[in-house]
PDB file of N, CA and C in Angstrom:
ATOM      1  N   MET A   1     192.991 129.662  99.714  1.00  0.00           N
ATOM      2  CA  MET A   1     191.561 129.743  99.432  1.00  0.00           C
ATOM      3  C   MET A   1     190.943 130.843 100.292  1.00  0.00           C
ATOM      4  N   PRO A   2     190.158 131.716  99.671  1.00  0.00           N
ATOM      5  CA  PRO A   2     189.573 132.813 100.449  1.00  0.00           C
ATOM      6  C   PRO A   2     188.507 132.319 101.426  1.00  0.00           C
ATOM      7  N   ARG A   3     188.352 133.075 102.453  1.00  0.00           N
ATOM      8  CA  ARG A   3     187.368 132.736 103.483  1.00  0.00           C
ATOM      9  C   ARG A   3     185.965 132.974 102.936  1.00  0.00           C
ATOM     10  N   SER A   4     185.091 131.989 103.119  1.00  0.00           N
ATOM     11  CA  SER A   4     183.721 132.167 102.614  1.00  0.00           C
ATOM     12  C   SER A   4     182.845 132.704 103.730  1.00  0.00           C
ATOM     13  N   LYS A   5     182.024 133.672 103.368  1.00  0.00           N
ATOM     14  CA  LYS A   5     181.136 134.295 104.353  1.00  0.00           C
ATOM     15  C   LYS A   5     179.699 134.157 103.870  1.00  0.00           C
ATOM     16  N   THR A   6     178.762 134.314 104.772  1.00  0.00           N
ATOM     17  CA  THR A   6     177.356 134.084 104.426  1.00  0.00           C
ATOM     18  C   THR A   6     176.598 135.366 104.121  1.00  0.00           C
ATOM     19  N   GLY A   7     177.305 136.437 103.840  1.00  0.00           N
ATOM     20  CA  GLY A   7     176.670 137.742 103.661  1.00  0.00           C
ATOM     21  C   GLY A   7     175.511 137.758 102.690  1.00  0.00           C
ATOM     22  N   THR A   8     175.767 137.470 101.425  1.00  0.00           N
ATOM     23  CA  THR A   8     174.699 137.563 100.426  1.00  0.00           C
ATOM     24  C   THR A   8     173.678 136.446 100.586  1.00  0.00           C
ATOM     25  N   VAL A   9     174.147 135.268 100.960  1.00  0.00           N
ATOM     26  CA  VAL A   9     173.234 134.134 101.143  1.00  0.00           C
ATOM     27  C   VAL A   9     172.234 134.440 102.250  1.00  0.00           C
ATOM     28  N   ARG A  10     172.761 134.941 103.367  1.00  0.00           N
ATOM     29  CA  ARG A  10     171.898 135.271 104.495  1.00  0.00           C
ATOM     30  C   ARG A  10     170.915 136.379 104.119  1.00  0.00           C
ATOM     31  N   THR A  11     171.403 137.394 103.416  1.00  0.00           N
ATOM     32  CA  THR A  11     170.542 138.509 103.006  1.00  0.00           C
ATOM     33  C   THR A  11     169.391 138.011 102.151  1.00  0.00           C
ATOM     34  N   HIS A  12     169.704 137.165 101.177  1.00  0.00           N
ATOM     35  CA  HIS A  12     168.655 136.647 100.292  1.00  0.00           C
ATOM     36  C   HIS A  12     167.651 135.781 101.061  1.00  0.00           C
ATOM     37  N   ARG A  13     168.169 134.962 101.972  1.00  0.00           N
ATOM     38  CA  ARG A  13     167.281 134.096 102.756  1.00  0.00           C
ATOM     39  C   ARG A  13     166.358 134.934 103.641  1.00  0.00           C
ATOM     40  N   HIS A  14     166.918 135.934 104.287  1.00  0.00           N
ATOM     41  CA  HIS A  14     166.117 136.803 105.154  1.00  0.00           C
ATOM     42  C   HIS A  14     165.080 137.568 104.339  1.00  0.00           C
ATOM     43  N   LYS A  15     165.505 138.093 103.186  1.00  0.00           N
ATOM     44  CA  LYS A  15     164.573 138.843 102.339  1.00  0.00           C
ATOM     45  C   LYS A  15     163.421 137.955 101.879  1.00  0.00           C
ATOM     46  N   LYS A  16     163.750 136.712 101.541  1.00  0.00           N
ATOM     47  CA  LYS A  16     162.723 135.784 101.067  1.00  0.00           C
ATOM     48  C   LYS A  16     161.665 135.552 102.148  1.00  0.00           C
ATOM     49  N   ILE A  17     162.103 135.342 103.373  1.00  0.00           N
ATOM     50  CA  ILE A  17     161.173 135.109 104.485  1.00  0.00           C
ATOM     51  C   ILE A  17     160.370 136.374 104.775  1.00  0.00           C
ATOM     52  N   LEU A  18     161.028 137.524 104.802  1.00  0.00           N
ATOM     53  CA  LEU A  18     160.333 138.777 105.111  1.00  0.00           C
ATOM     54  C   LEU A  18     159.345 139.155 104.005  1.00  0.00           C
ATOM     55  N   ARG A  19     159.650 138.810 102.756  1.00  0.00           N
ATOM     56  CA  ARG A  19     158.695 139.040 101.668  1.00  0.00           C
ATOM     57  C   ARG A  19     157.472 138.140 101.838  1.00  0.00           C
ATOM     58  N   ALA A  20     157.707 136.906 102.262  1.00  0.00           N
ATOM     59  CA  ALA A  20     156.609 135.949 102.427  1.00  0.00           C
ATOM     60  C   ALA A  20     155.688 136.332 103.577  1.00  0.00           C
ATOM     61  N   THR A  21     156.234 137.012 104.592  1.00  0.00           N
ATOM     62  CA  THR A  21     155.439 137.375 105.769  1.00  0.00           C
ATOM     63  C   THR A  21     155.019 138.840 105.734  1.00  0.00           C
ATOM     64  N   LYS A  22     154.905 139.398 104.554  1.00  0.00           N
ATOM     65  CA  LYS A  22     154.663 140.834 104.393  1.00  0.00           C
ATOM     66  C   LYS A  22     153.394 141.327 105.085  1.00  0.00           C
ATOM     67  N   GLY A  23     152.302 140.600 104.998  1.00  0.00           N
ATOM     68  CA  GLY A  23     151.046 141.092 105.547  1.00  0.00           C
ATOM     69  C   GLY A  23     150.807 140.743 107.005  1.00  0.00           C
ATOM     70  N   TYR A  24     151.740 140.049 107.633  1.00  0.00           N
ATOM     71  CA  TYR A  24     151.555 139.616 109.012  1.00  0.00           C
ATOM     72  C   TYR A  24     151.622 140.816 109.951  1.00  0.00           C
ATOM     73  N   SER A  25     150.995 140.688 111.118  1.00  0.00           N
ATOM     74  CA  SER A  25     150.912 141.834 112.023  1.00  0.00           C
ATOM     75  C   SER A  25     152.112 141.899 112.964  1.00  0.00           C
ATOM     76  N   GLY A  26     152.445 143.107 113.361  1.00  0.00           N
ATOM     77  CA  GLY A  26     153.481 143.333 114.362  1.00  0.00           C
ATOM     78  C   GLY A  26     154.865 142.916 113.900  1.00  0.00           C
ATOM     79  N   THR A  27     155.626 142.361 114.850  1.00  0.00           N
ATOM     80  CA  THR A  27     157.012 141.992 114.555  1.00  0.00           C
ATOM     81  C   THR A  27     157.103 140.757 113.667  1.00  0.00           C
ATOM     82  N   ARG A  28     155.998 140.079 113.454  1.00  0.00           N
ATOM     83  CA  ARG A  28     156.018 138.883 112.605  1.00  0.00           C
ATOM     84  C   ARG A  28     156.324 139.224 111.150  1.00  0.00           C
ATOM     85  N   SER A  29     156.201 140.490 110.797  1.00  0.00           N
ATOM     86  CA  SER A  29     156.539 140.890 109.433  1.00  0.00           C
ATOM     87  C   SER A  29     157.813 141.731 109.374  1.00  0.00           C
ATOM     88  N   LYS A  30     158.383 142.060 110.531  1.00  0.00           N
ATOM     89  CA  LYS A  30     159.538 142.965 110.559  1.00  0.00           C
ATOM     90  C   LYS A  30     160.833 142.259 110.990  1.00  0.00           C
ATOM     91  N   LEU A  31     160.773 141.474 112.046  1.00  0.00           N
ATOM     92  CA  LEU A  31     161.963 140.827 112.586  1.00  0.00           C
ATOM     93  C   LEU A  31     162.102 139.427 112.000  1.00  0.00           C
ATOM     94  N   PHE A  32     163.315 139.104 111.545  1.00  0.00           N
ATOM     95  CA  PHE A  32     163.513 137.832 110.851  1.00  0.00           C
ATOM     96  C   PHE A  32     163.154 136.636 111.722  1.00  0.00           C
ATOM     97  N   LYS A  33     163.602 136.647 112.957  1.00  0.00           N
ATOM     98  CA  LYS A  33     163.390 135.483 113.821  1.00  0.00           C
ATOM     99  C   LYS A  33     161.894 135.218 114.028  1.00  0.00           C
ATOM    100  N   ARG A  34     161.149 136.251 114.360  1.00  0.00           N
ATOM    101  CA  ARG A  34     159.694 136.114 114.557  1.00  0.00           C
ATOM    102  C   ARG A  34     159.004 135.773 113.234  1.00  0.00           C
ATOM    103  N   ALA A  35     159.480 136.399 112.159  1.00  0.00           N
ATOM    104  CA  ALA A  35     158.885 136.154 110.843  1.00  0.00           C
ATOM    105  C   ALA A  35     159.104 134.706 110.420  1.00  0.00           C
ATOM    106  N   HIS A  36     160.282 134.183 110.693  1.00  0.00           N
ATOM    107  CA  HIS A  36     160.582 132.800 110.319  1.00  0.00           C
ATOM    108  C   HIS A  36     159.701 131.829 111.096  1.00  0.00           C
ATOM    109  N   GLU A  37     159.509 132.083 112.381  1.00  0.00           N
ATOM    110  CA  GLU A  37     158.620 131.233 113.189  1.00  0.00           C
ATOM    111  C   GLU A  37     157.200 131.261 112.635  1.00  0.00           C
ATOM    112  N   ALA A  38     156.731 132.463 112.311  1.00  0.00           N
ATOM    113  CA  ALA A  38     155.377 132.612 111.773  1.00  0.00           C
ATOM    114  C   ALA A  38     155.255 131.929 110.417  1.00  0.00           C
ATOM    115  N   PHE A  39     156.299 132.029 109.604  1.00  0.00           N
ATOM    116  CA  PHE A  39     156.314 131.420 108.274  1.00  0.00           C
ATOM    117  C   PHE A  39     156.231 129.897 108.374  1.00  0.00           C
ATOM    118  N   ILE A  40     156.992 129.318 109.283  1.00  0.00           N
ATOM    119  CA  ILE A  40     156.980 127.860 109.479  1.00  0.00           C
ATOM    120  C   ILE A  40     155.607 127.411 109.959  1.00  0.00           C
ATOM    121  N   ARG A  41     155.059 128.125 110.927  1.00  0.00           N
ATOM    122  CA  ARG A  41     153.746 127.765 111.461  1.00  0.00           C
ATOM    123  C   ARG A  41     152.658 127.908 110.397  1.00  0.00           C
ATOM    124  N   ALA A  42     152.763 128.945 109.578  1.00  0.00           N
ATOM    125  CA  ALA A  42     151.791 129.146 108.500  1.00  0.00           C
ATOM    126  C   ALA A  42     151.839 127.975 107.525  1.00  0.00           C
ATOM    127  N   GLY A  43     153.039 127.484 107.264  1.00  0.00           N
ATOM    128  CA  GLY A  43     153.178 126.323 106.385  1.00  0.00           C
ATOM    129  C   GLY A  43     152.517 125.088 106.963  1.00  0.00           C
ATOM    130  N   GLU A  44     152.626 124.918 108.276  1.00  0.00           N
ATOM    131  CA  GLU A  44     151.964 123.784 108.934  1.00  0.00           C
ATOM    132  C   GLU A  44     150.448 123.907 108.813  1.00  0.00           C
ATOM    133  N   HIS A  45     149.941 125.124 109.004  1.00  0.00           N
ATOM    134  CA  HIS A  45     148.500 125.344 108.881  1.00  0.00           C
ATOM    135  C   HIS A  45     148.032 125.117 107.448  1.00  0.00           C
ATOM    136  N   GLN A  46     148.843 125.532 106.484  1.00  0.00           N
ATOM    137  CA  GLN A  46     148.484 125.310 105.078  1.00  0.00           C
ATOM    138  C   GLN A  46     148.387 123.820 104.785  1.00  0.00           C
ATOM    139  N   PHE A  47     149.356 123.063 105.271  1.00  0.00           N
ATOM    140  CA  PHE A  47     149.380 121.618 105.038  1.00  0.00           C
ATOM    141  C   PHE A  47     148.133 120.969 105.629  1.00  0.00           C
ATOM    142  N   ARG A  48     147.831 121.327 106.873  1.00  0.00           N
ATOM    143  CA  ARG A  48     146.654 120.776 107.542  1.00  0.00           C
ATOM    144  C   ARG A  48     145.375 121.215 106.833  1.00  0.00           C
ATOM    145  N   GLY A  49     145.355 122.472 106.398  1.00  0.00           N
ATOM    146  CA  GLY A  49     144.179 123.007 105.720  1.00  0.00           C
ATOM    147  C   GLY A  49     143.862 122.291 104.423  1.00  0.00           C
ATOM    148  N   ARG A  50     144.898 121.874 103.701  1.00  0.00           N
ATOM    149  CA  ARG A  50     144.661 121.150 102.449  1.00  0.00           C
ATOM    150  C   ARG A  50     144.000 119.811 102.714  1.00  0.00           C
ATOM    151  N   LYS A  51     144.337 119.178 103.821  1.00  0.00           N
ATOM    152  CA  LYS A  51     143.692 117.902 104.182  1.00  0.00           C
ATOM    153  C   LYS A  51     142.253 118.140 104.643  1.00  0.00           C
ATOM    154  N   LEU A  52     142.054 119.191 105.446  1.00  0.00           N
ATOM    155  CA  LEU A  52     140.721 119.496 105.965  1.00  0.00           C
ATOM    156  C   LEU A  52     139.756 119.893 104.853  1.00  0.00           C
ATOM    157  N   ARG A  53     140.275 120.594 103.834  1.00  0.00           N
ATOM    158  CA  ARG A  53     139.415 121.024 102.730  1.00  0.00           C
ATOM    159  C   ARG A  53     138.802 119.816 102.023  1.00  0.00           C
ATOM    160  N   LYS A  54     139.590 118.753 101.859  1.00  0.00           N
ATOM    161  CA  LYS A  54     139.080 117.541 101.217  1.00  0.00           C
ATOM    162  C   LYS A  54     137.944 116.934 102.040  1.00  0.00           C
ATOM    163  N   ARG A  55     138.137 116.897 103.365  1.00  0.00           N
ATOM    164  CA  ARG A  55     137.089 116.364 104.251  1.00  0.00           C
ATOM    165  C   ARG A  55     135.830 117.215 104.184  1.00  0.00           C
ATOM    166  N   ASP A  56     136.020 118.532 104.232  1.00  0.00           N
ATOM    167  CA  ASP A  56     134.876 119.448 104.215  1.00  0.00           C
ATOM    168  C   ASP A  56     134.091 119.341 102.916  1.00  0.00           C
ATOM    169  N   MET A  57     134.804 119.203 101.806  1.00  0.00           N
ATOM    170  CA  MET A  57     134.117 119.085 100.523  1.00  0.00           C
ATOM    171  C   MET A  57     133.308 117.792 100.464  1.00  0.00           C
ATOM    172  N   LYS A  58     133.869 116.704 100.977  1.00  0.00           N
ATOM    173  CA  LYS A  58     133.125 115.434 100.973  1.00  0.00           C
ATOM    174  C   LYS A  58     131.876 115.552 101.842  1.00  0.00           C
ATOM    175  N   LYS A  59     132.003 116.223 102.995  1.00  0.00           N
ATOM    176  CA  LYS A  59     130.833 116.452 103.854  1.00  0.00           C
ATOM    177  C   LYS A  59     129.762 117.249 103.122  1.00  0.00           C
ATOM    178  N   LEU A  60     130.194 118.284 102.390  1.00  0.00           N
ATOM    179  CA  LEU A  60     129.268 119.126 101.644  1.00  0.00           C
ATOM    180  C   LEU A  60     128.536 118.323 100.579  1.00  0.00           C
ATOM    181  N   TRP A  61     129.276 117.484  99.835  1.00  0.00           N
ATOM    182  CA  TRP A  61     128.644 116.664  98.798  1.00  0.00           C
ATOM    183  C   TRP A  61     127.623 115.716  99.402  1.00  0.00           C
ATOM    184  N   ILE A  62     127.956 115.140 100.555  1.00  0.00           N
ATOM    185  CA  ILE A  62     127.039 114.202 101.210  1.00  0.00           C
ATOM    186  C   ILE A  62     125.782 114.932 101.673  1.00  0.00           C
ATOM    187  N   MET A  63     125.949 116.134 102.240  1.00  0.00           N
ATOM    188  CA  MET A  63     124.775 116.903 102.685  1.00  0.00           C
ATOM    189  C   MET A  63     123.881 117.273 101.509  1.00  0.00           C
ATOM    190  N   ARG A  64     124.491 117.691 100.409  1.00  0.00           N
ATOM    191  CA  ARG A  64     123.710 118.037  99.222  1.00  0.00           C
ATOM    192  C   ARG A  64     122.960 116.824  98.683  1.00  0.00           C
ATOM    193  N   LEU A  65     123.655 115.693  98.617  1.00  0.00           N
ATOM    194  CA  LEU A  65     123.015 114.470  98.125  1.00  0.00           C
ATOM    195  C   LEU A  65     121.864 114.061  99.028  1.00  0.00           C
ATOM    196  N   ASN A  66     122.088 114.110 100.327  1.00  0.00           N
ATOM    197  CA  ASN A  66     121.053 113.715 101.283  1.00  0.00           C
ATOM    198  C   ASN A  66     119.825 114.605 101.141  1.00  0.00           C
ATOM    199  N   ALA A  67     120.048 115.913 100.991  1.00  0.00           N
ATOM    200  CA  ALA A  67     118.923 116.841 100.839  1.00  0.00           C
ATOM    201  C   ALA A  67     118.147 116.547  99.558  1.00  0.00           C
ATOM    202  N   ALA A  68     118.869 116.305  98.467  1.00  0.00           N
ATOM    203  CA  ALA A  68     118.203 116.011  97.193  1.00  0.00           C
ATOM    204  C   ALA A  68     117.463 114.680  97.259  1.00  0.00           C
ATOM    205  N   LEU A  69     118.058 113.701  97.915  1.00  0.00           N
ATOM    206  CA  LEU A  69     117.427 112.379  98.020  1.00  0.00           C
ATOM    207  C   LEU A  69     116.199 112.415  98.919  1.00  0.00           C
ATOM    208  N   ARG A  70     116.242 113.219  99.976  1.00  0.00           N
ATOM    209  CA  ARG A  70     115.073 113.334 100.866  1.00  0.00           C
ATOM    210  C   ARG A  70     113.882 113.926 100.117  1.00  0.00           C
ATOM    211  N   GLN A  71     114.149 114.851  99.194  1.00  0.00           N
ATOM    212  CA  GLN A  71     113.057 115.423  98.398  1.00  0.00           C
ATOM    213  C   GLN A  71     112.419 114.362  97.504  1.00  0.00           C
ATOM    214  N   ILE A  72     113.238 113.446  97.027  1.00  0.00           N
ATOM    215  CA  ILE A  72     112.729 112.367  96.177  1.00  0.00           C
ATOM    216  C   ILE A  72     112.013 111.314  97.016  1.00  0.00           C
ATOM    217  N   GLY A  73     112.445 111.158  98.272  1.00  0.00           N
ATOM    218  CA  GLY A  73     111.781 110.221  99.169  1.00  0.00           C
ATOM    219  C   GLY A  73     112.615 109.008  99.528  1.00  0.00           C
ATOM    220  N   THR A  74     113.924 109.151  99.488  1.00  0.00           N
ATOM    221  CA  THR A  74     114.800 108.050  99.888  1.00  0.00           C
ATOM    222  C   THR A  74     115.898 108.587 100.799  1.00  0.00           C
ATOM    223  N   LYS A  75     116.656 107.676 101.377  1.00  0.00           N
ATOM    224  CA  LYS A  75     117.720 108.069 102.296  1.00  0.00           C
ATOM    225  C   LYS A  75     119.077 107.940 101.612  1.00  0.00           C
ATOM    226  N   TYR A  76     120.011 108.733 102.093  1.00  0.00           N
ATOM    227  CA  TYR A  76     121.364 108.738 101.526  1.00  0.00           C
ATOM    228  C   TYR A  76     122.021 107.372 101.664  1.00  0.00           C
ATOM    229  N   SER A  77     121.949 106.787 102.856  1.00  0.00           N
ATOM    230  CA  SER A  77     122.655 105.527 103.103  1.00  0.00           C
ATOM    231  C   SER A  77     122.118 104.407 102.214  1.00  0.00           C
ATOM    232  N   LEU A  78     120.800 104.356 102.048  1.00  0.00           N
ATOM    233  CA  LEU A  78     120.208 103.324 101.191  1.00  0.00           C
ATOM    234  C   LEU A  78     120.605 103.538  99.732  1.00  0.00           C
ATOM    235  N   PHE A  79     120.638 104.797  99.321  1.00  0.00           N
ATOM    236  CA  PHE A  79     121.006 105.117  97.939  1.00  0.00           C
ATOM    237  C   PHE A  79     122.452 104.724  97.647  1.00  0.00           C
ATOM    238  N   ILE A  80     123.368 105.060  98.547  1.00  0.00           N
ATOM    239  CA  ILE A  80     124.785 104.746  98.338  1.00  0.00           C
ATOM    240  C   ILE A  80     124.995 103.235  98.320  1.00  0.00           C
ATOM    241  N   HIS A  81     124.284 102.527  99.179  1.00  0.00           N
ATOM    242  CA  HIS A  81     124.393 101.059  99.195  1.00  0.00           C
ATOM    243  C   HIS A  81     123.915 100.484  97.867  1.00  0.00           C
ATOM    244  N   ALA A  82     122.765 100.954  97.397  1.00  0.00           N
ATOM    245  CA  ALA A  82     122.230 100.472  96.122  1.00  0.00           C
ATOM    246  C   ALA A  82     123.134 100.884  94.959  1.00  0.00           C
ATOM    247  N   LEU A  83     123.726 102.064  95.051  1.00  0.00           N
ATOM    248  CA  LEU A  83     124.621 102.546  93.999  1.00  0.00           C
ATOM    249  C   LEU A  83     125.877 101.681  93.909  1.00  0.00           C
ATOM    250  N   SER A  84     126.390 101.272  95.054  1.00  0.00           N
ATOM    251  CA  SER A  84     127.595 100.440  95.055  1.00  0.00           C
ATOM    252  C   SER A  84     127.312  99.057  94.473  1.00  0.00           C
ATOM    253  N   LYS A  85     126.080  98.571  94.626  1.00  0.00           N
ATOM    254  CA  LYS A  85     125.711  97.266  94.073  1.00  0.00           C
ATOM    255  C   LYS A  85     125.411  97.350  92.575  1.00  0.00           C
ATOM    256  N   SER A  86     125.028  98.534  92.096  1.00  0.00           N
ATOM    257  CA  SER A  86     124.694  98.693  90.676  1.00  0.00           C
ATOM    258  C   SER A  86     125.966  98.894  89.854  1.00  0.00           C
ATOM    259  N   GLU A  87     125.793  98.952  88.528  1.00  0.00           N
ATOM    260  CA  GLU A  87     126.948  99.134  87.646  1.00  0.00           C
ATOM    261  C   GLU A  87     127.273 100.608  87.403  1.00  0.00           C
ATOM    262  N   ILE A  88     126.541 101.522  88.008  1.00  0.00           N
ATOM    263  CA  ILE A  88     126.785 102.957  87.848  1.00  0.00           C
ATOM    264  C   ILE A  88     127.973 103.362  88.717  1.00  0.00           C
ATOM    265  N   LYS A  89     128.978 103.951  88.093  1.00  0.00           N
ATOM    266  CA  LYS A  89     130.199 104.339  88.803  1.00  0.00           C
ATOM    267  C   LYS A  89     130.329 105.860  88.831  1.00  0.00           C
ATOM    268  N   LEU A  90     129.523 106.501  89.656  1.00  0.00           N
ATOM    269  CA  LEU A  90     129.599 107.951  89.844  1.00  0.00           C
ATOM    270  C   LEU A  90     129.972 108.233  91.290  1.00  0.00           C
ATOM    271  N   ASP A  91     130.866 109.190  91.487  1.00  0.00           N
ATOM    272  CA  ASP A  91     131.247 109.530  92.857  1.00  0.00           C
ATOM    273  C   ASP A  91     130.322 110.601  93.430  1.00  0.00           C
ATOM    274  N   ARG A  92     130.522 110.915  94.694  1.00  0.00           N
ATOM    275  CA  ARG A  92     129.634 111.845  95.400  1.00  0.00           C
ATOM    276  C   ARG A  92     129.701 113.252  94.812  1.00  0.00           C
ATOM    277  N   LYS A  93     130.884 113.655  94.366  1.00  0.00           N
ATOM    278  CA  LYS A  93     131.049 114.993  93.793  1.00  0.00           C
ATOM    279  C   LYS A  93     130.186 115.149  92.543  1.00  0.00           C
ATOM    280  N   ILE A  94     130.288 114.199  91.635  1.00  0.00           N
ATOM    281  CA  ILE A  94     129.529 114.264  90.386  1.00  0.00           C
ATOM    282  C   ILE A  94     128.035 114.160  90.669  1.00  0.00           C
ATOM    283  N   LEU A  95     127.665 113.264  91.572  1.00  0.00           N
ATOM    284  CA  LEU A  95     126.245 113.102  91.902  1.00  0.00           C
ATOM    285  C   LEU A  95     125.660 114.381  92.492  1.00  0.00           C
ATOM    286  N   SER A  96     126.415 115.057  93.362  1.00  0.00           N
ATOM    287  CA  SER A  96     125.886 116.289  93.962  1.00  0.00           C
ATOM    288  C   SER A  96     125.746 117.387  92.911  1.00  0.00           C
ATOM    289  N   GLU A  97     126.687 117.453  91.970  1.00  0.00           N
ATOM    290  CA  GLU A  97     126.579 118.438  90.886  1.00  0.00           C
ATOM    291  C   GLU A  97     125.362 118.147  90.012  1.00  0.00           C
ATOM    292  N   ILE A  98     125.143 116.878  89.702  1.00  0.00           N
ATOM    293  CA  ILE A  98     123.974 116.492  88.903  1.00  0.00           C
ATOM    294  C   ILE A  98     122.693 116.843  89.652  1.00  0.00           C
ATOM    295  N   ALA A  99     122.673 116.570  90.956  1.00  0.00           N
ATOM    296  CA  ALA A  99     121.477 116.843  91.762  1.00  0.00           C
ATOM    297  C   ALA A  99     121.132 118.330  91.768  1.00  0.00           C
ATOM    298  N   ILE A 100     122.141 119.191  91.757  1.00  0.00           N
ATOM    299  CA  ILE A 100     121.898 120.635  91.787  1.00  0.00           C
ATOM    300  C   ILE A 100     121.524 121.164  90.399  1.00  0.00           C
ATOM    301  N   GLN A 101     122.306 120.790  89.392  1.00  0.00           N
ATOM    302  CA  GLN A 101     122.135 121.394  88.069  1.00  0.00           C
ATOM    303  C   GLN A 101     121.092 120.695  87.202  1.00  0.00           C
ATOM    304  N   TYR A 102     120.960 119.370  87.355  1.00  0.00           N
ATOM    305  CA  TYR A 102     120.034 118.597  86.518  1.00  0.00           C
ATOM    306  C   TYR A 102     119.182 117.676  87.397  1.00  0.00           C
ATOM    307  N   PRO A 103     118.192 118.220  88.101  1.00  0.00           N
ATOM    308  CA  PRO A 103     117.408 117.394  89.029  1.00  0.00           C
ATOM    309  C   PRO A 103     116.647 116.257  88.342  1.00  0.00           C
ATOM    310  N   GLU A 104     116.217 116.465  87.079  1.00  0.00           N
ATOM    311  CA  GLU A 104     115.475 115.411  86.377  1.00  0.00           C
ATOM    312  C   GLU A 104     116.386 114.211  86.112  1.00  0.00           C
ATOM    313  N   VAL A 105     117.604 114.486  85.698  1.00  0.00           N
ATOM    314  CA  VAL A 105     118.577 113.415  85.447  1.00  0.00           C
ATOM    315  C   VAL A 105     118.892 112.688  86.749  1.00  0.00           C
ATOM    316  N   PHE A 106     119.035 113.451  87.820  1.00  0.00           N
ATOM    317  CA  PHE A 106     119.325 112.846  89.122  1.00  0.00           C
ATOM    318  C   PHE A 106     118.188 111.927  89.551  1.00  0.00           C
ATOM    319  N   LYS A 107     116.962 112.360  89.306  1.00  0.00           N
ATOM    320  CA  LYS A 107     115.798 111.544  89.653  1.00  0.00           C
ATOM    321  C   LYS A 107     115.815 110.223  88.878  1.00  0.00           C
ATOM    322  N   LYS A 108     116.207 110.287  87.603  1.00  0.00           N
ATOM    323  CA  LYS A 108     116.294 109.073  86.782  1.00  0.00           C
ATOM    324  C   LYS A 108     117.383 108.132  87.294  1.00  0.00           C
ATOM    325  N   ILE A 109     118.496 108.705  87.729  1.00  0.00           N
ATOM    326  CA  ILE A 109     119.577 107.884  88.291  1.00  0.00           C
ATOM    327  C   ILE A 109     119.088 107.171  89.538  1.00  0.00           C
ATOM    328  N   VAL A 110     118.367 107.899  90.394  1.00  0.00           N
ATOM    329  CA  VAL A 110     117.849 107.308  91.636  1.00  0.00           C
ATOM    330  C   VAL A 110     116.868 106.188  91.312  1.00  0.00           C
ATOM    331  N   GLU A 111     115.986 106.413  90.332  1.00  0.00           N
ATOM    332  CA  GLU A 111     115.016 105.379  89.954  1.00  0.00           C
ATOM    333  C   GLU A 111     115.712 104.149  89.384  1.00  0.00           C
ATOM    334  N   LYS A 112     116.782 104.354  88.625  1.00  0.00           N
ATOM    335  CA  LYS A 112     117.521 103.233  88.040  1.00  0.00           C
ATOM    336  C   LYS A 112     118.248 102.428  89.115  1.00  0.00           C
ATOM    337  N   VAL A 113     118.734 103.111  90.133  1.00  0.00           N
ATOM    338  CA  VAL A 113     119.493 102.442  91.195  1.00  0.00           C
ATOM    339  C   VAL A 113     118.578 101.708  92.168  1.00  0.00           C
ATOM    340  N   LYS A 114     117.383 102.255  92.418  1.00  0.00           N
ATOM    341  CA  LYS A 114     116.464 101.637  93.385  1.00  0.00           C
ATOM    342  C   LYS A 114     116.168 100.191  92.992  1.00  0.00           C
ATOM    343  N   PRO A 115     116.182  99.276  93.957  1.00  0.00           N
ATOM    344  CA  PRO A 115     115.896  97.859  93.648  1.00  0.00           C
ATOM    345  C   PRO A 115     114.431  97.608  93.331  1.00  0.00           C
TER     346      PRO A 115
END
């Protein structure tokens, strides 16, 4: 059986990493070892960023809702409590979009939810 070597496999693996780190600065885009470290760390940041984006979006929806509700004359916490007790099943994302694009409809929803 012939001896197996890692020549082409290693070349392809190195090329893949160096292609992925193309825009990185300094040796992080040139040397495989540094590029691989940067690539792994970038993946960790991407993973964390996907979780943070969800949190940030929820914060944004809550701020938008609170601002729209304050203009109407109610508080966010009271509205969400009343909404959970009512039969209306709309989440914060949809409510914030309605508040921005259709303020009259949002006002009607708030009036319907108010006890």
